[in-house]
Each structure stands twice: as C-alpha cells, then as structure tokens.
C-alpha atoms as a PDB file:
ATOM      1  CA  MET A   1       0.000   0.000   0.000  1.00  0.00           C
ATOM      2  CA  GLY A   2       1.262   3.436  -0.889  1.00  0.00           C
ATOM      3  CA  ASP A   3       1.057   6.617   1.075  1.00  0.00           C
ATOM      4  CA  GLU A   4      -2.523   7.782   0.808  1.00  0.00           C
ATOM      5  CA  LYS A   5      -3.723  11.120   2.078  1.00  0.00           C
ATOM      6  CA  ARG A   6      -6.917  10.801   4.017  1.00  0.00           C
ATOM      7  CA  GLN A   7      -9.337  13.675   4.098  1.00  0.00           C
ATOM      8  CA  LYS A   8     -10.668  14.563   7.528  1.00  0.00           C
ATOM      9  CA  ILE A   9     -14.446  14.800   7.493  1.00  0.00           C
ATOM     10  CA  ASP A  10     -15.611  17.686   9.664  1.00  0.00           C
ATOM     11  CA  ARG A  11     -19.303  17.153   9.053  1.00  0.00           C
ATOM     12  CA  LEU A  12     -21.418  14.305   7.740  1.00  0.00           C
ATOM     13  CA  GLU A  13     -25.127  14.774   7.083  1.00  0.00           C
ATOM     14  CA  LEU A  14     -27.715  12.574   5.442  1.00  0.00           C
ATOM     15  CA  GLU A  15     -30.572  14.153   3.491  1.00  0.00           C
ATOM     16  CA  ILE A  16     -33.621  12.464   1.986  1.00  0.00           C
ATOM     17  CA  ARG A  17     -35.673  13.729  -0.949  1.00  0.00           C
ATOM     18  CA  CYS A  18     -39.398  13.324  -0.383  1.00  0.00           C
ATOM     19  CA  GLU A  19     -41.007  11.037  -2.969  1.00  0.00           C
ATOM     20  CA  HIS A  20     -44.125  13.237  -2.994  1.00  0.00           C
ATOM     21  CA  CYS A  21     -43.122  16.928  -2.803  1.00  0.00           C
ATOM     22  CA  ARG A  22     -39.460  16.392  -3.948  1.00  0.00           C
ATOM     23  CA  LYS A  23     -38.014  18.629  -1.182  1.00  0.00           C
ATOM     24  CA  TRP A  24     -34.853  17.670   0.748  1.00  0.00           C
ATOM     25  CA  PHE A  25     -34.798  17.197   4.543  1.00  0.00           C
ATOM     26  CA  ARG A  26     -32.314  15.861   7.091  1.00  0.00           C
ATOM     27  CA  SER A  27     -32.529  12.288   8.280  1.00  0.00           C
ATOM     28  CA  TRP A  28     -30.718   9.840  10.574  1.00  0.00           C
ATOM     29  CA  PHE A  29     -28.730   6.804   9.502  1.00  0.00           C
ATOM     30  CA  GLY A  30     -30.645   3.528   9.700  1.00  0.00           C
ATOM     31  CA  ILE A  31     -34.179   4.889   9.311  1.00  0.00           C
ATOM     32  CA  THR A  32     -36.159   3.232   6.478  1.00  0.00           C
ATOM     33  CA  LEU A  33     -39.345   5.340   6.559  1.00  0.00           C
ATOM     34  CA  GLN A  34     -39.741   8.926   7.646  1.00  0.00           C
ATOM     35  CA  ARG A  35     -42.450  11.590   7.612  1.00  0.00           C
ATOM     36  CA  CYS A  36     -41.580  14.586   5.424  1.00  0.00           C
ATOM     37  CA  PRO A  37     -41.547  17.838   7.442  1.00  0.00           C
ATOM     38  CA  HIS A  38     -42.713  19.775   4.348  1.00  0.00           C
ATOM     39  CA  CYS A  39     -45.788  17.839   3.150  1.00  0.00           C
ATOM     40  CA  GLY A  40     -46.371  15.458   6.090  1.00  0.00           C
ATOM     41  CA  ARG A  41     -46.453  12.284   3.982  1.00  0.00           C
ATOM     42  CA  THR A  42     -44.345   9.188   4.675  1.00  0.00           C
ATOM     43  CA  THR A  43     -41.436   8.583   2.325  1.00  0.00           C
ATOM     44  CA  GLY A  44     -38.915   5.771   1.983  1.00  0.00           C
ATOM     45  CA  CYS A  45     -35.297   6.385   2.924  1.00  0.00           C
ATOM     46  CA  ASN A  46     -33.234   4.507   0.364  1.00  0.00           C
ATOM     47  CA  LYS A  47     -30.189   5.166  -1.803  1.00  0.00           C
ATOM     48  CA  ALA A  48     -32.332   6.278  -4.750  1.00  0.00           C
ATOM     49  CA  ASN A  49     -33.484   9.412  -2.912  1.00  0.00           C
ATOM     50  CA  MET A  50     -30.661  10.222  -0.484  1.00  0.00           C
ATOM     51  CA  ARG A  51     -27.498  12.274  -0.490  1.00  0.00           C
ATOM     52  CA  LEU A  52     -24.586  12.534   1.921  1.00  0.00           C
ATOM     53  CA  ILE A  53     -23.009  15.900   2.594  1.00  0.00           C
ATOM     54  CA  THR A  54     -19.430  16.005   3.853  1.00  0.00           C
ATOM     55  CA  GLY A  55     -17.685  19.281   4.561  1.00  0.00           C
ATOM     56  CA  ASP A  56     -18.156  21.586   1.571  1.00  0.00           C
ATOM     57  CA  LYS A  57     -18.752  18.789  -0.952  1.00  0.00           C
ATOM     58  CA  LYS A  58     -22.047  17.096  -1.723  1.00  0.00           C
ATOM     59  CA  PHE A  59     -22.237  13.458  -2.769  1.00  0.00           C
ATOM     60  CA  THR A  60     -25.279  11.701  -4.144  1.00  0.00           C
END
C-alpha cells in the first residue's frame, strides 16, 4: 500500500428527498421510513433518494 492522504471529514449529514413533494430534509442513519416535514407524507429512505453531505462537498 502506498502513502494515501486521508481527508478529515468535519461534518457528515444525510438528506432524503421526499417522494411526494421532492423537497430535501435531514434524516438519521438507519431509518427506512420517515415523515416529510414539508408535506407530512411518509417517504422511503433509500439510496435512490438520499445524499450525503461532507464538509463543503455534496455526494449523491
């Protein structure tokens, strides 16, 4: 293994996009269903509608 620089992650957030109103909201790791704070409907929390935010970069 070579010398690899590892980036320190200051912040890690998980956001879910509501399947109904399409707005993003924060979520916790491990939750499979959550009520959207914008429209009040239940939406699935899966990799198709989530994004992770680390530091200044956003990953889908």
